[in-house]
Amino acid sequence: MLNKKTFLLITGILFSCATIFHLLRIVYKWEVVFAGSVVPSWSSWIGVIIAGFLAFNSFRLRKE
């Protein structure tokens, strides 16, 4: 069973990876197609903000 600090470390790493992938999509202009529709690139900015916020808070809560 995971303790709280290990859980927060794992979630922080996963959300950091999600943030990096969203940034890479913006920088390299990768196209994402979901169910036959192209996902607009501006949605990755929302992903960067939300995933970055969650990663930051996961690491911050781990220190407490």
Protein backbone atom coordinates (compact mmCIF):
# COMPACT_ATOMS: atom_id res chain seq x y z
CA MET A 1 0.00 0.00 0.00
CA LEU A 2 1.26 3.46 -0.87
CA ASN A 3 1.82 6.07 1.75
CA LYS A 4 0.85 9.69 1.19
CA LYS A 5 4.30 10.96 0.18
CA THR A 6 4.85 8.21 -2.39
CA PHE A 7 1.40 8.81 -3.88
CA LEU A 8 2.03 12.54 -4.18
CA LEU A 9 5.44 11.92 -5.77
CA ILE A 10 3.95 9.59 -8.39
CA THR A 11 1.08 11.96 -9.21
CA GLY A 12 3.49 14.89 -9.40
CA ILE A 13 5.68 13.02 -11.87
CA LEU A 14 2.68 11.97 -13.99
CA PHE A 15 1.24 15.49 -14.12
CA SER A 16 4.70 16.87 -14.93
CA CYS A 17 4.89 14.47 -17.88
CA ALA A 18 1.46 15.59 -19.05
CA THR A 19 2.59 19.22 -18.85
CA ILE A 20 5.72 18.46 -20.88
CA PHE A 21 3.72 16.61 -23.57
CA HIS A 22 1.31 19.53 -23.89
CA LEU A 23 4.25 21.92 -24.24
CA LEU A 24 5.84 19.69 -26.87
CA ARG A 25 2.58 19.62 -28.80
CA ILE A 26 2.50 23.43 -28.80
CA VAL A 27 6.16 23.83 -29.79
CA TYR A 28 6.21 21.20 -32.53
CA LYS A 29 2.64 21.87 -33.71
CA TRP A 30 1.63 18.23 -33.43
CA GLU A 31 -1.89 17.47 -34.63
CA VAL A 32 -4.16 15.37 -32.45
CA VAL A 33 -7.18 13.64 -33.97
CA PHE A 34 -9.83 12.34 -31.62
CA ALA A 35 -12.87 10.46 -32.96
CA GLY A 36 -12.21 11.85 -36.44
CA SER A 37 -12.01 15.48 -35.31
CA VAL A 38 -8.87 17.58 -34.98
CA VAL A 39 -8.33 18.85 -31.44
CA PRO A 40 -7.43 22.57 -31.54
CA SER A 41 -3.93 23.45 -30.37
CA TRP A 42 -5.19 26.13 -27.97
CA SER A 43 -6.59 23.32 -25.81
CA SER A 44 -3.00 22.35 -24.97
CA TRP A 45 -2.54 25.72 -23.25
CA ILE A 46 -5.39 24.75 -20.93
CA GLY A 47 -3.68 21.39 -20.42
CA VAL A 48 -0.39 23.09 -19.54
CA ILE A 49 -2.09 25.30 -16.95
CA ILE A 50 -4.15 22.56 -15.31
CA ALA A 51 -1.53 19.78 -15.39
CA GLY A 52 1.19 22.20 -14.28
CA PHE A 53 -0.94 23.40 -11.38
CA LEU A 54 -1.67 19.83 -10.29
CA ALA A 55 2.00 18.83 -10.55
CA PHE A 56 3.09 21.88 -8.56
CA ASN A 57 0.57 21.19 -5.81
CA SER A 58 1.47 17.50 -5.67
CA PHE A 59 5.13 18.35 -5.06
CA ARG A 60 4.23 21.14 -2.62
CA LEU A 61 1.94 18.89 -0.58
CA ARG A 62 4.61 16.19 -0.49
CA LYS A 63 6.92 18.52 1.44
CA GLU A 64 4.37 19.09 4.20
